[in-house]
C-alpha atoms as a PDB file:
ATOM      1  CA  UNK A   1      49.972 118.002  93.463  1.00  0.00           C
ATOM      2  CA  UNK A   2      50.655 116.529  97.021  1.00  0.00           C
ATOM      3  CA  UNK A   3      52.242 113.715  97.010  1.00  0.00           C
ATOM      4  CA  UNK A   4      49.321 111.797  98.926  1.00  0.00           C
ATOM      5  CA  UNK A   5      47.166 112.463  96.369  1.00  0.00           C
ATOM      6  CA  UNK A   6      49.692 111.189  93.687  1.00  0.00           C
ATOM      7  CA  UNK A   7      50.279 108.099  95.655  1.00  0.00           C
ATOM      8  CA  UNK A   8      46.523 107.334  96.538  1.00  0.00           C
ATOM      9  CA  UNK A   9      45.809 108.361  92.045  1.00  0.00           C
ATOM     10  CA  UNK A  10      48.248 105.410  91.525  1.00  0.00           C
ATOM     11  CA  UNK A  11      47.401 102.631  93.671  1.00  0.00           C
ATOM     12  CA  UNK A  12      43.839 102.931  92.858  1.00  0.00           C
ATOM     13  CA  UNK A  13      45.327 102.775  89.315  1.00  0.00           C
ATOM     14  CA  UNK A  14      46.026  98.471  90.888  1.00  0.00           C
ATOM     15  CA  UNK A  15      43.281  98.346  91.971  1.00  0.00           C
ATOM     16  CA  UNK A  16      41.449  98.366  89.182  1.00  0.00           C
ATOM     17  CA  UNK A  17      43.453  96.316  87.832  1.00  0.00           C
ATOM     18  CA  UNK A  18      43.399  93.381  89.719  1.00  0.00           C
ATOM     19  CA  UNK A  19      46.454  93.902  92.255  1.00  0.00           C
ATOM     20  CA  UNK A  20      45.086  91.984  95.301  1.00  0.00           C
ATOM     21  CA  UNK A  21      45.686  95.478  98.483  1.00  0.00           C
ATOM     22  CA  UNK A  22      47.874  92.814 100.277  1.00  0.00           C
ATOM     23  CA  UNK A  23      50.437  93.889  97.133  1.00  0.00           C
ATOM     24  CA  UNK A  24      49.416  97.504  96.679  1.00  0.00           C
ATOM     25  CA  UNK A  25      49.963  98.000 100.985  1.00  0.00           C
ATOM     26  CA  UNK A  26      53.743  96.225 100.177  1.00  0.00           C
ATOM     27  CA  UNK A  27      54.331  98.855  97.246  1.00  0.00           C
ATOM     28  CA  UNK A  28      53.443 101.443  99.748  1.00  0.00           C
ATOM     29  CA  UNK A  29      55.796 100.057 102.308  1.00  0.00           C
ATOM     30  CA  UNK A  30      52.855 100.492 104.683  1.00  0.00           C
ATOM     31  CA  UNK A  31      53.259  98.561 108.126  1.00  0.00           C
ATOM     32  CA  UNK A  32      49.048  98.828 108.605  1.00  0.00           C
ATOM     33  CA  UNK A  33      46.678  97.401 106.419  1.00  0.00           C
ATOM     34  CA  UNK A  34      44.552 100.485 107.621  1.00  0.00           C
ATOM     35  CA  UNK A  35      47.082 102.841 106.301  1.00  0.00           C
ATOM     36  CA  UNK A  36      46.764 102.391 102.864  1.00  0.00           C
ATOM     37  CA  UNK A  37      42.689 102.127 103.370  1.00  0.00           C
ATOM     38  CA  UNK A  38      43.014 105.831 103.704  1.00  0.00           C
ATOM     39  CA  UNK A  39      44.683 106.111  99.945  1.00  0.00           C
ATOM     40  CA  UNK A  40      43.113 103.561  98.849  1.00  0.00           C
ATOM     41  CA  UNK A  41      39.462 104.578 100.024  1.00  0.00           C
ATOM     42  CA  UNK A  42      39.298 108.223 100.650  1.00  0.00           C
ATOM     43  CA  UNK A  43      42.729 109.626  99.546  1.00  0.00           C
ATOM     44  CA  UNK A  44      44.210 112.745 100.869  1.00  0.00           C
ATOM     45  CA  UNK A  45      41.131 114.311 102.363  1.00  0.00           C
ATOM     46  CA  UNK A  46      40.830 111.513 104.380  1.00  0.00           C
ATOM     47  CA  UNK A  47      44.400 112.687 105.964  1.00  0.00           C
ATOM     48  CA  UNK A  48      44.822 113.672 109.215  1.00  0.00           C
ATOM     49  CA  UNK A  49      47.470 115.811 111.163  1.00  0.00           C
ATOM     50  CA  UNK A  50      47.515 111.985 113.227  1.00  0.00           C
ATOM     51  CA  UNK A  51      48.353 109.870 110.152  1.00  0.00           C
ATOM     52  CA  UNK A  52      51.635 112.716 109.819  1.00  0.00           C
ATOM     53  CA  UNK A  53      55.466 111.885 111.310  1.00  0.00           C
ATOM     54  CA  UNK A  54      58.024 114.026 111.312  1.00  0.00           C
ATOM     55  CA  UNK A  55      61.235 113.258 109.811  1.00  0.00           C
ATOM     56  CA  UNK A  56      64.951 114.154 108.655  1.00  0.00           C
ATOM     57  CA  UNK A  57      66.584 113.658 106.260  1.00  0.00           C
ATOM     58  CA  UNK A  58      70.482 114.343 106.950  1.00  0.00           C
ATOM     59  CA  UNK A  59      71.566 113.126 104.062  1.00  0.00           C
ATOM     60  CA  UNK A  60      71.929 115.059 100.651  1.00  0.00           C
ATOM     61  CA  UNK A  61      70.367 112.768  97.500  1.00  0.00           C
ATOM     62  CA  UNK A  62      74.438 113.416  96.252  1.00  0.00           C
ATOM     63  CA  UNK A  63      75.825 112.066  99.691  1.00  0.00           C
ATOM     64  CA  UNK A  64      73.304 108.534  99.158  1.00  0.00           C
ATOM     65  CA  UNK A  65      74.971 108.113  96.019  1.00  0.00           C
ATOM     66  CA  UNK A  66      78.423 109.582  96.440  1.00  0.00           C
ATOM     67  CA  UNK A  67      78.532 112.577  93.314  1.00  0.00           C
ATOM     68  CA  UNK A  68      78.003 115.107  95.803  1.00  0.00           C
ATOM     69  CA  UNK A  69      77.162 118.351  94.005  1.00  0.00           C
ATOM     70  CA  UNK A  70      77.766 115.732  89.842  1.00  0.00           C
ATOM     71  CA  UNK A  71      74.018 115.002  90.145  1.00  0.00           C
END
């Protein structure tokens, strides 16, 4: 299941339990409420190419945790 779908489902559950949209926005680390509404209202179907940002992760999880292969 793609990540946007999982996130959308998770936060629709929060909404169903009465969690305010502003709190959900913070949990999703969105600076713009419109981005949060994409997940809450339309899920993955509402996402467009311009909503994605290419990023890189130059460190492995082991490097971040200082375990280098011990995970």
